[in-house]
Amino acid sequence: MISLSSTPSHSPSVVYRRINNEYLLIPLTGNIADMDSLYRLTETGAFIWELIDGERDISDIAAKIVEEFDVEPEIAEKDALEFFREIQEFLHFREP
């Protein structure tokens, strides 16, 4: 189960692209882009995606959201958890 102490890392079977101010996650099937399954990120989602490094846990990422967007920590944590649950198919998670 994904929690604030989970540490996300990008799946090697997805590519991230910014195309004309759109942020996209594109799944790969055998090195071929599956355009029918692409996922559009919001600007906030793209900010979070770029913070994923396999070292920061979700709590650390939520703290960066607080700094960048001036929101309450509880809201940032809730929103971060919701975001990670929504895009979990594009990630791997390490638990403490």
N, C-alpha and C. Protein backbone atom coordinates (compact mmCIF):
# COMPACT_ATOMS: atom_id res chain seq x y z
N MET A 1 0.84 -1.19 0.00
CA MET A 1 0.00 0.00 0.00
C MET A 1 0.89 1.25 0.00
N ILE A 2 0.53 2.20 -0.80
CA ILE A 2 1.30 3.43 -0.91
C ILE A 2 1.05 4.30 0.31
N SER A 3 2.15 4.77 0.92
CA SER A 3 2.05 5.64 2.10
C SER A 3 3.06 6.77 1.97
N LEU A 4 3.05 7.68 2.92
CA LEU A 4 3.98 8.80 2.89
C LEU A 4 5.43 8.34 2.97
N SER A 5 5.67 7.15 3.52
CA SER A 5 7.05 6.66 3.62
C SER A 5 7.47 5.83 2.40
N SER A 6 6.58 5.65 1.44
CA SER A 6 6.92 4.94 0.20
C SER A 6 7.86 5.81 -0.64
N THR A 7 8.83 5.16 -1.28
CA THR A 7 9.77 5.88 -2.15
C THR A 7 9.52 5.47 -3.59
N PRO A 8 9.00 6.40 -4.40
CA PRO A 8 8.70 6.06 -5.80
C PRO A 8 9.93 6.21 -6.70
N SER A 9 9.94 5.42 -7.75
CA SER A 9 10.92 5.57 -8.83
C SER A 9 10.19 5.30 -10.13
N HIS A 10 10.72 5.88 -11.20
CA HIS A 10 10.08 5.73 -12.51
C HIS A 10 10.23 4.32 -13.03
N SER A 11 9.18 3.82 -13.65
CA SER A 11 9.25 2.53 -14.32
C SER A 11 10.02 2.70 -15.62
N PRO A 12 10.89 1.76 -15.96
CA PRO A 12 11.61 1.86 -17.24
C PRO A 12 10.69 1.64 -18.44
N SER A 13 9.45 1.22 -18.19
CA SER A 13 8.54 0.97 -19.30
C SER A 13 7.59 2.14 -19.55
N VAL A 14 8.03 3.34 -19.17
CA VAL A 14 7.26 4.56 -19.45
C VAL A 14 8.23 5.69 -19.76
N VAL A 15 7.84 6.53 -20.71
CA VAL A 15 8.63 7.72 -21.02
C VAL A 15 7.80 8.96 -20.70
N TYR A 16 8.50 10.00 -20.32
CA TYR A 16 7.89 11.28 -19.97
C TYR A 16 8.31 12.28 -21.03
N ARG A 17 7.34 12.98 -21.59
CA ARG A 17 7.63 13.97 -22.63
C ARG A 17 6.81 15.23 -22.40
N ARG A 18 7.43 16.35 -22.72
CA ARG A 18 6.70 17.62 -22.76
C ARG A 18 6.59 17.99 -24.23
N ILE A 19 5.37 18.09 -24.71
CA ILE A 19 5.12 18.40 -26.11
C ILE A 19 4.10 19.54 -26.16
N ASN A 20 4.54 20.69 -26.68
CA ASN A 20 3.65 21.86 -26.80
C ASN A 20 2.90 22.17 -25.50
N ASN A 21 3.64 22.30 -24.42
CA ASN A 21 3.07 22.62 -23.11
C ASN A 21 2.13 21.56 -22.56
N GLU A 22 2.22 20.35 -23.09
CA GLU A 22 1.51 19.20 -22.53
C GLU A 22 2.55 18.26 -21.95
N TYR A 23 2.25 17.72 -20.78
CA TYR A 23 3.14 16.79 -20.11
C TYR A 23 2.52 15.40 -20.22
N LEU A 24 3.25 14.47 -20.81
CA LEU A 24 2.70 13.15 -21.11
C LEU A 24 3.54 12.04 -20.51
N LEU A 25 2.85 11.01 -20.00
CA LEU A 25 3.47 9.74 -19.64
C LEU A 25 3.02 8.76 -20.71
N ILE A 26 3.99 8.15 -21.37
CA ILE A 26 3.68 7.26 -22.48
C ILE A 26 4.21 5.87 -22.15
N PRO A 27 3.32 4.90 -21.93
CA PRO A 27 3.76 3.53 -21.67
C PRO A 27 4.40 2.92 -22.91
N LEU A 28 5.37 2.05 -22.67
CA LEU A 28 6.03 1.33 -23.75
C LEU A 28 5.67 -0.14 -23.66
N THR A 29 5.43 -0.72 -24.81
CA THR A 29 5.22 -2.16 -24.90
C THR A 29 6.25 -2.67 -25.89
N GLY A 30 7.28 -3.34 -25.37
CA GLY A 30 8.34 -3.82 -26.25
C GLY A 30 9.02 -2.68 -27.00
N ASN A 31 9.33 -1.59 -26.31
CA ASN A 31 9.98 -0.40 -26.88
C ASN A 31 9.11 0.34 -27.90
N ILE A 32 7.83 0.05 -27.95
CA ILE A 32 6.91 0.76 -28.83
C ILE A 32 5.92 1.54 -27.96
N ALA A 33 5.76 2.83 -28.28
CA ALA A 33 4.86 3.68 -27.51
C ALA A 33 3.41 3.23 -27.67
N ASP A 34 2.73 3.09 -26.54
CA ASP A 34 1.31 2.75 -26.53
C ASP A 34 0.52 4.05 -26.39
N MET A 35 0.26 4.70 -27.51
CA MET A 35 -0.38 6.01 -27.51
C MET A 35 -1.84 5.95 -27.03
N ASP A 36 -2.44 4.77 -27.06
CA ASP A 36 -3.81 4.63 -26.58
C ASP A 36 -3.88 4.68 -25.06
N SER A 37 -2.73 4.49 -24.40
CA SER A 37 -2.71 4.45 -22.93
C SER A 37 -1.95 5.61 -22.33
N LEU A 38 -1.67 6.65 -23.11
CA LEU A 38 -0.89 7.75 -22.56
C LEU A 38 -1.68 8.48 -21.48
N TYR A 39 -0.95 9.13 -20.60
CA TYR A 39 -1.53 9.82 -19.46
C TYR A 39 -1.05 11.26 -19.48
N ARG A 40 -1.98 12.20 -19.43
CA ARG A 40 -1.63 13.62 -19.42
C ARG A 40 -1.49 14.10 -17.97
N LEU A 41 -0.37 14.76 -17.71
CA LEU A 41 -0.12 15.32 -16.39
C LEU A 41 -0.49 16.80 -16.37
N THR A 42 -0.97 17.26 -15.23
CA THR A 42 -1.13 18.69 -15.02
C THR A 42 0.25 19.28 -14.77
N GLU A 43 0.33 20.58 -14.69
CA GLU A 43 1.62 21.21 -14.38
C GLU A 43 2.12 20.76 -13.01
N THR A 44 1.21 20.64 -12.05
CA THR A 44 1.59 20.15 -10.73
C THR A 44 2.05 18.71 -10.80
N GLY A 45 1.35 17.89 -11.57
CA GLY A 45 1.75 16.50 -11.75
C GLY A 45 3.13 16.39 -12.38
N ALA A 46 3.42 17.25 -13.35
CA ALA A 46 4.74 17.26 -13.98
C ALA A 46 5.81 17.67 -12.97
N PHE A 47 5.50 18.65 -12.12
CA PHE A 47 6.42 19.06 -11.07
C PHE A 47 6.75 17.87 -10.17
N ILE A 48 5.72 17.14 -9.76
CA ILE A 48 5.92 15.97 -8.90
C ILE A 48 6.72 14.91 -9.64
N TRP A 49 6.37 14.62 -10.89
CA TRP A 49 7.06 13.59 -11.67
C TRP A 49 8.56 13.88 -11.73
N GLU A 50 8.90 15.15 -11.91
CA GLU A 50 10.31 15.53 -12.03
C GLU A 50 11.05 15.42 -10.70
N LEU A 51 10.34 15.36 -9.59
CA LEU A 51 10.96 15.18 -8.28
C LEU A 51 11.24 13.71 -7.96
N ILE A 52 10.61 12.82 -8.68
CA ILE A 52 10.78 11.39 -8.41
C ILE A 52 12.18 10.98 -8.82
N ASP A 53 12.96 10.52 -7.84
CA ASP A 53 14.35 10.16 -8.11
C ASP A 53 14.77 8.82 -7.49
N GLY A 54 13.81 8.13 -6.88
CA GLY A 54 14.15 6.86 -6.24
C GLY A 54 14.81 7.04 -4.88
N GLU A 55 15.00 8.29 -4.45
CA GLU A 55 15.61 8.59 -3.15
C GLU A 55 14.62 9.28 -2.21
N ARG A 56 13.85 10.20 -2.75
CA ARG A 56 12.87 10.93 -1.94
C ARG A 56 11.63 10.07 -1.72
N ASP A 57 11.15 10.08 -0.47
CA ASP A 57 9.87 9.40 -0.24
C ASP A 57 8.74 10.41 -0.49
N ILE A 58 7.51 9.93 -0.42
CA ILE A 58 6.38 10.78 -0.75
C ILE A 58 6.26 11.94 0.24
N SER A 59 6.64 11.73 1.48
CA SER A 59 6.65 12.81 2.46
C SER A 59 7.60 13.93 2.04
N ASP A 60 8.78 13.57 1.55
CA ASP A 60 9.75 14.58 1.07
C ASP A 60 9.18 15.33 -0.13
N ILE A 61 8.54 14.61 -1.03
CA ILE A 61 7.96 15.24 -2.22
C ILE A 61 6.83 16.18 -1.82
N ALA A 62 6.02 15.78 -0.85
CA ALA A 62 4.94 16.65 -0.37
C ALA A 62 5.51 17.94 0.22
N ALA A 63 6.64 17.85 0.91
CA ALA A 63 7.29 19.05 1.46
C ALA A 63 7.71 20.00 0.34
N LYS A 64 8.18 19.45 -0.77
CA LYS A 64 8.55 20.28 -1.93
C LYS A 64 7.31 20.95 -2.53
N ILE A 65 6.18 20.24 -2.52
CA ILE A 65 4.92 20.82 -3.02
C ILE A 65 4.53 22.02 -2.15
N VAL A 66 4.69 21.87 -0.83
CA VAL A 66 4.38 22.97 0.09
C VAL A 66 5.23 24.18 -0.25
N GLU A 67 6.53 23.97 -0.46
CA GLU A 67 7.44 25.07 -0.79
C GLU A 67 7.06 25.74 -2.11
N GLU A 68 6.79 24.94 -3.12
CA GLU A 68 6.55 25.47 -4.47
C GLU A 68 5.18 26.13 -4.62
N PHE A 69 4.16 25.55 -4.01
CA PHE A 69 2.79 26.00 -4.27
C PHE A 69 2.12 26.66 -3.07
N ASP A 70 2.85 26.79 -1.96
CA ASP A 70 2.34 27.49 -0.78
C ASP A 70 0.98 26.94 -0.33
N VAL A 71 0.95 25.63 -0.10
CA VAL A 71 -0.25 24.97 0.41
C VAL A 71 0.06 24.38 1.78
N GLU A 72 -0.97 24.06 2.52
CA GLU A 72 -0.79 23.45 3.84
C GLU A 72 -0.20 22.05 3.70
N PRO A 73 0.68 21.65 4.62
CA PRO A 73 1.31 20.32 4.54
C PRO A 73 0.30 19.18 4.45
N GLU A 74 -0.79 19.26 5.20
CA GLU A 74 -1.78 18.17 5.18
C GLU A 74 -2.41 18.04 3.79
N ILE A 75 -2.67 19.16 3.15
CA ILE A 75 -3.26 19.13 1.81
C ILE A 75 -2.26 18.58 0.81
N ALA A 76 -1.00 19.01 0.92
CA ALA A 76 0.04 18.52 0.01
C ALA A 76 0.21 17.01 0.16
N GLU A 77 0.21 16.51 1.38
CA GLU A 77 0.37 15.07 1.61
C GLU A 77 -0.82 14.30 1.03
N LYS A 78 -2.02 14.78 1.29
CA LYS A 78 -3.22 14.11 0.76
C LYS A 78 -3.21 14.10 -0.76
N ASP A 79 -2.92 15.25 -1.36
CA ASP A 79 -2.90 15.35 -2.82
C ASP A 79 -1.79 14.50 -3.43
N ALA A 80 -0.63 14.47 -2.78
CA ALA A 80 0.49 13.66 -3.28
C ALA A 80 0.12 12.18 -3.25
N LEU A 81 -0.45 11.72 -2.15
CA LEU A 81 -0.86 10.32 -2.07
C LEU A 81 -1.88 9.98 -3.14
N GLU A 82 -2.84 10.86 -3.34
CA GLU A 82 -3.86 10.63 -4.37
C GLU A 82 -3.21 10.56 -5.76
N PHE A 83 -2.29 11.46 -6.04
CA PHE A 83 -1.59 11.48 -7.32
C PHE A 83 -0.81 10.18 -7.54
N PHE A 84 -0.06 9.75 -6.53
CA PHE A 84 0.74 8.53 -6.68
C PHE A 84 -0.14 7.29 -6.84
N ARG A 85 -1.26 7.26 -6.17
CA ARG A 85 -2.18 6.13 -6.36
C ARG A 85 -2.74 6.13 -7.78
N GLU A 86 -2.99 7.32 -8.31
CA GLU A 86 -3.55 7.43 -9.66
C GLU A 86 -2.57 6.99 -10.74
N ILE A 87 -1.28 7.26 -10.54
CA ILE A 87 -0.29 6.94 -11.59
C ILE A 87 0.60 5.77 -11.21
N GLN A 88 0.19 4.97 -10.23
CA GLN A 88 1.06 3.91 -9.73
C GLN A 88 1.49 2.90 -10.79
N GLU A 89 0.73 2.75 -11.86
CA GLU A 89 1.12 1.81 -12.91
C GLU A 89 2.39 2.26 -13.65
N PHE A 90 2.77 3.53 -13.50
CA PHE A 90 3.95 4.07 -14.17
C PHE A 90 5.16 4.12 -13.25
N LEU A 91 5.04 3.56 -12.05
CA LEU A 91 6.07 3.69 -11.03
C LEU A 91 6.40 2.36 -10.37
N HIS A 92 7.52 2.36 -9.67
CA HIS A 92 7.87 1.30 -8.73
C HIS A 92 7.97 1.97 -7.36
N PHE A 93 7.66 1.23 -6.31
CA PHE A 93 7.72 1.78 -4.97
C PHE A 93 8.58 0.90 -4.08
N ARG A 94 9.41 1.56 -3.28
CA ARG A 94 10.20 0.87 -2.26
C ARG A 94 9.60 1.27 -0.91
N GLU A 95 9.39 0.30 -0.07
CA GLU A 95 8.85 0.56 1.26
C GLU A 95 9.99 0.52 2.27
N PRO A 96 9.86 1.30 3.35
CA PRO A 96 10.94 1.34 4.36
C PRO A 96 11.09 0.02 5.08
